[in-house]
Amino acid sequence: MKKYNNHKNKDNLIKHNDLDLWAWKQCDINTDSLWIIPNRAKGGKHENNYHGNFIPQIPNELIRRYTKSNEVVLDAFLGSGTTLFECENLGRKCIGMDINEGILQNIESKMQDSVRGRFYYGMCDNTNNAETDNFITQGLETIGAKSVQFMLFHPPYMDIVKFTNKPCDLSQMSEINDFMRIFLQTCQNTLKFLDKNRYFAVVIGDVYKHSEIKPLGFYVMRDSD
């Protein structure tokens, strides 16, 4: 790893966050390779009332690592709105999509007093290319942006929890090959809006199928090459 140790190199260092990288030991960012989070963050708009929602510390860490203030985060599986609420707390803009009308209505009830023009969310089948194109394009226009600087994918872990009865819902997929085919279609439909040389994250867990552990994360990394 190359060390940048002079002012010229420091000024030229490509940085995708607002952190002081030269004082990283003093930052409250978790730099461990294994994140151990003993307690779920509470307060604000967060509620642990939805199967499959992840703890707020995960999007918080990722957003602060890979975006700057006022940049755009896209969550392709918005769910109960965890990423949206963290974007609001951290001063980022957010586009979020989901196919569960009920949970989206719950988010809307929490965003009534929020600053409009900084977020855009709604129902969208992210496996449908044309529908996804239209949704993200409209979202970018609404928040006054041209592209996305960070994307977050927290898909269902196959059919552990069934969120809807829609055939395009990844929670309806009981076989690895079907899950991967649909998930990779979602990636193709969304990642083209991500700026070059920027980052995306996949948050996913393993499943127990046919008397063995299926490491979904490794399947995602393998098939994304």
Protein backbone atom coordinates (compact mmCIF):
# COMPACT_ATOMS: atom_id res chain seq x y z
CA MET A 1 0.00 0.00 0.00
CA LYS A 2 1.41 3.38 -1.01
CA LYS A 3 1.79 5.92 1.76
CA TYR A 4 0.89 9.54 1.07
CA ASN A 5 3.08 11.64 3.33
CA ASN A 6 3.31 15.11 1.86
CA HIS A 7 0.91 17.98 1.25
CA LYS A 8 0.93 17.59 -2.53
CA ASN A 9 -0.11 13.96 -2.36
CA LYS A 10 -2.59 14.71 0.38
CA ASP A 11 -4.32 17.32 -1.77
CA ASN A 12 -4.51 14.89 -4.70
CA LEU A 13 -5.83 11.99 -2.66
CA ILE A 14 -9.20 10.87 -4.06
CA LYS A 15 -11.59 10.87 -1.14
CA HIS A 16 -15.24 9.92 -1.12
CA ASN A 17 -16.13 11.04 2.39
CA ASP A 18 -15.87 13.92 4.84
CA LEU A 19 -13.60 12.06 7.24
CA ASP A 20 -10.12 13.23 8.18
CA LEU A 21 -8.17 10.25 6.86
CA TRP A 22 -4.99 11.54 8.44
CA ALA A 23 -6.60 11.28 11.86
CA TRP A 24 -8.45 8.02 11.29
CA LYS A 25 -7.63 6.72 14.76
CA GLN A 26 -9.65 9.57 16.23
CA CYS A 27 -12.65 8.99 13.94
CA ASP A 28 -15.65 7.16 15.35
CA ILE A 29 -15.67 4.86 12.33
CA ASN A 30 -15.33 1.14 13.00
CA THR A 31 -12.05 0.11 11.34
CA ASP A 32 -12.19 -3.53 12.45
CA SER A 33 -12.63 -6.24 9.83
CA LEU A 34 -15.32 -7.77 12.06
CA TRP A 35 -18.02 -5.41 13.27
CA ILE A 36 -19.36 -6.37 16.67
CA ILE A 37 -22.37 -4.20 17.46
CA PRO A 38 -23.76 -5.13 20.89
CA ASN A 39 -26.90 -2.99 20.84
CA ARG A 40 -29.23 -1.74 18.16
CA ALA A 41 -29.30 2.07 17.89
CA LYS A 42 -32.66 3.47 18.96
CA GLY A 43 -34.40 6.78 18.81
CA GLY A 44 -35.49 9.12 16.08
CA LYS A 45 -37.56 7.48 13.35
CA HIS A 46 -36.07 4.02 13.78
CA GLU A 47 -38.32 1.21 14.95
CA ASN A 48 -37.58 -2.47 15.16
CA ASN A 49 -41.03 -3.38 13.87
CA TYR A 50 -40.29 -4.97 10.51
CA HIS A 51 -38.90 -8.42 9.79
CA GLY A 52 -35.56 -8.15 8.10
CA ASN A 53 -34.70 -4.51 8.80
CA PHE A 54 -31.05 -4.07 9.65
CA ILE A 55 -29.60 -2.15 12.54
CA PRO A 56 -29.03 1.57 11.86
CA GLN A 57 -25.32 1.39 12.64
CA ILE A 58 -24.65 -0.52 9.41
CA PRO A 59 -25.93 2.09 6.92
CA ASN A 60 -24.56 4.83 9.19
CA GLU A 61 -21.03 3.43 8.94
CA LEU A 62 -21.28 2.80 5.20
CA ILE A 63 -22.76 6.19 4.34
CA ARG A 64 -20.08 8.07 6.29
CA ARG A 65 -17.31 5.97 4.74
CA TYR A 66 -18.39 6.29 1.11
CA THR A 67 -20.21 9.61 0.70
CA LYS A 68 -19.85 13.29 1.41
CA SER A 69 -22.48 15.66 2.69
CA ASN A 70 -25.34 16.24 0.19
CA GLU A 71 -24.34 13.32 -2.04
CA VAL A 72 -26.91 10.77 -3.18
CA VAL A 73 -27.47 7.32 -1.69
CA LEU A 74 -29.74 4.80 -3.42
CA ASP A 75 -31.27 1.91 -1.47
CA ALA A 76 -32.70 -0.70 -3.83
CA PHE A 77 -34.51 -2.53 -0.99
CA LEU A 78 -35.68 0.31 1.23
CA GLY A 79 -37.82 -1.80 3.54
CA SER A 80 -38.75 0.08 6.70
CA GLY A 81 -36.58 3.08 5.77
CA THR A 82 -33.44 2.57 7.85
CA THR A 83 -31.14 3.92 5.13
CA LEU A 84 -33.48 6.84 4.42
CA PHE A 85 -33.54 7.89 8.07
CA GLU A 86 -29.75 7.66 8.35
CA CYS A 87 -29.33 9.75 5.19
CA GLU A 88 -31.58 12.37 6.71
CA ASN A 89 -29.57 12.32 9.96
CA LEU A 90 -26.25 12.57 8.11
CA GLY A 91 -27.19 15.24 5.57
CA ARG A 92 -27.29 13.01 2.48
CA LYS A 93 -29.94 12.80 -0.21
CA CYS A 94 -31.68 9.48 -0.70
CA ILE A 95 -33.59 7.51 -3.33
CA GLY A 96 -35.29 4.38 -2.05
CA MET A 97 -37.44 1.74 -3.69
CA ASP A 98 -39.44 -1.23 -2.46
CA ILE A 99 -42.35 -3.38 -3.63
CA ASN A 100 -44.14 -3.55 -0.30
CA GLU A 101 -46.86 -0.88 -0.32
CA GLY A 102 -47.66 -1.32 3.36
CA ILE A 103 -44.19 -0.57 4.65
CA LEU A 104 -43.85 2.39 2.28
CA GLN A 105 -47.00 3.89 3.79
CA ASN A 106 -45.41 3.53 7.22
CA ILE A 107 -42.34 5.43 6.01
CA GLU A 108 -44.51 8.20 4.59
CA SER A 109 -46.14 8.75 7.98
CA LYS A 110 -42.68 9.37 9.46
CA MET A 111 -41.44 11.71 6.73
CA GLN A 112 -44.26 14.26 6.83
CA ASP A 113 -42.13 16.92 8.51
CA SER A 114 -38.95 16.21 6.55
CA VAL A 115 -37.43 18.58 4.03
CA ARG A 116 -38.87 17.71 0.62
CA GLY A 117 -36.54 17.73 -2.33
CA ARG A 118 -33.85 15.76 -0.50
CA PHE A 119 -35.40 12.33 -0.81
CA TYR A 120 -37.50 10.28 -3.18
CA TYR A 121 -38.96 6.89 -2.42
CA GLY A 122 -41.80 4.70 -3.55
CA MET A 123 -42.93 1.42 -4.98
CA CYS A 124 -40.78 0.02 -7.77
CA ASP A 125 -40.07 -3.44 -9.11
CA ASN A 126 -36.30 -3.19 -9.36
CA THR A 127 -36.19 -6.38 -11.46
CA ASN A 128 -37.99 -4.50 -14.26
CA ASN A 129 -35.49 -2.50 -16.28
CA ALA A 130 -37.87 0.10 -17.73
CA GLU A 131 -39.69 0.64 -14.44
CA THR A 132 -36.40 1.05 -12.58
CA ASP A 133 -35.04 3.48 -15.19
CA ASN A 134 -38.12 5.66 -14.90
CA PHE A 135 -38.16 5.54 -11.11
CA ILE A 136 -34.51 6.48 -10.60
CA THR A 137 -34.62 9.14 -13.31
CA GLN A 138 -37.65 10.73 -11.65
CA GLY A 139 -35.95 10.45 -8.29
CA LEU A 140 -32.82 12.22 -9.49
CA GLU A 141 -34.89 15.02 -10.99
CA THR A 142 -36.84 15.40 -7.75
CA ILE A 143 -33.75 15.77 -5.57
CA GLY A 144 -31.84 17.88 -8.11
CA ALA A 145 -29.11 15.38 -8.90
CA LYS A 146 -27.69 13.76 -12.03
CA SER A 147 -26.36 10.50 -10.63
CA VAL A 148 -25.83 8.39 -7.53
CA GLN A 149 -22.66 8.32 -5.41
CA PHE A 150 -23.34 5.24 -3.26
CA MET A 151 -25.73 2.29 -3.49
CA LEU A 152 -26.84 -0.06 -0.77
CA PHE A 153 -28.43 -3.46 -1.35
CA HIS A 154 -30.03 -5.28 1.58
CA PRO A 155 -32.16 -7.88 -0.19
CA PRO A 156 -34.30 -10.57 1.44
CA TYR A 157 -32.32 -13.64 2.46
CA MET A 158 -34.20 -15.80 -0.04
CA ASP A 159 -37.48 -17.07 1.43
CA ILE A 160 -36.64 -16.93 5.15
CA VAL A 161 -39.26 -14.18 5.53
CA LYS A 162 -41.84 -13.66 2.79
CA PHE A 163 -42.51 -9.94 2.47
CA THR A 164 -45.09 -10.00 -0.35
CA ASN A 165 -46.75 -12.51 -2.65
CA LYS A 166 -45.40 -10.86 -5.78
CA PRO A 167 -43.46 -13.20 -8.10
CA CYS A 168 -40.70 -10.60 -8.54
CA ASP A 169 -40.12 -10.50 -4.77
CA LEU A 170 -36.76 -12.06 -3.87
CA SER A 171 -38.34 -13.42 -0.71
CA GLN A 172 -40.30 -15.79 -2.96
CA MET A 173 -37.09 -17.42 -4.21
CA SER A 174 -36.43 -20.79 -2.58
CA GLU A 175 -33.55 -21.85 -4.85
CA ILE A 176 -30.10 -20.26 -5.03
CA ASN A 177 -30.00 -20.08 -8.83
CA ASP A 178 -33.35 -18.29 -9.02
CA PHE A 179 -32.34 -15.89 -6.27
CA MET A 180 -29.03 -15.03 -7.90
CA ARG A 181 -30.57 -14.56 -11.35
CA ILE A 182 -33.15 -12.07 -10.06
CA PHE A 183 -30.74 -10.29 -7.72
CA LEU A 184 -28.16 -9.79 -10.46
CA GLN A 185 -30.90 -8.35 -12.68
CA THR A 186 -31.60 -5.81 -9.93
CA CYS A 187 -27.91 -4.92 -9.85
CA GLN A 188 -27.80 -4.44 -13.63
CA ASN A 189 -30.88 -2.23 -13.54
CA THR A 190 -29.56 0.08 -10.83
CA LEU A 191 -25.77 0.19 -10.90
CA LYS A 192 -25.68 2.00 -14.24
CA PHE A 193 -26.76 5.12 -12.31
CA LEU A 194 -23.75 4.92 -10.00
CA ASP A 195 -20.89 7.31 -10.68
CA LYS A 196 -17.69 5.77 -12.02
CA ASN A 197 -15.19 4.73 -9.35
CA ARG A 198 -17.76 4.97 -6.57
CA TYR A 199 -18.87 2.20 -4.25
CA PHE A 200 -21.84 -0.02 -3.49
CA ALA A 201 -22.43 -2.43 -0.62
CA VAL A 202 -24.39 -5.65 -0.31
CA VAL A 203 -25.61 -6.54 3.17
CA ILE A 204 -26.75 -10.14 3.23
CA GLY A 205 -26.79 -13.17 5.49
CA ASP A 206 -26.55 -16.92 5.08
CA VAL A 207 -29.53 -19.27 4.88
CA TYR A 208 -30.09 -22.85 5.95
CA LYS A 209 -31.36 -24.92 3.04
CA HIS A 210 -31.56 -28.65 2.41
CA SER A 211 -29.76 -29.44 5.67
CA GLU A 212 -26.79 -27.19 4.94
CA ILE A 213 -25.70 -23.57 5.23
CA LYS A 214 -25.90 -21.60 1.98
CA PRO A 215 -23.46 -18.65 2.09
CA LEU A 216 -25.43 -16.09 0.10
CA GLY A 217 -22.71 -13.47 0.46
CA PHE A 218 -20.14 -15.66 -1.26
CA TYR A 219 -22.57 -16.54 -4.06
CA VAL A 220 -23.15 -12.81 -4.61
CA MET A 221 -19.42 -12.05 -4.78
CA ARG A 222 -18.74 -15.02 -7.05
CA ASP A 223 -21.51 -14.34 -9.55
CA SER A 224 -20.88 -10.59 -9.64
CA ASP A 225 -17.40 -10.99 -11.17
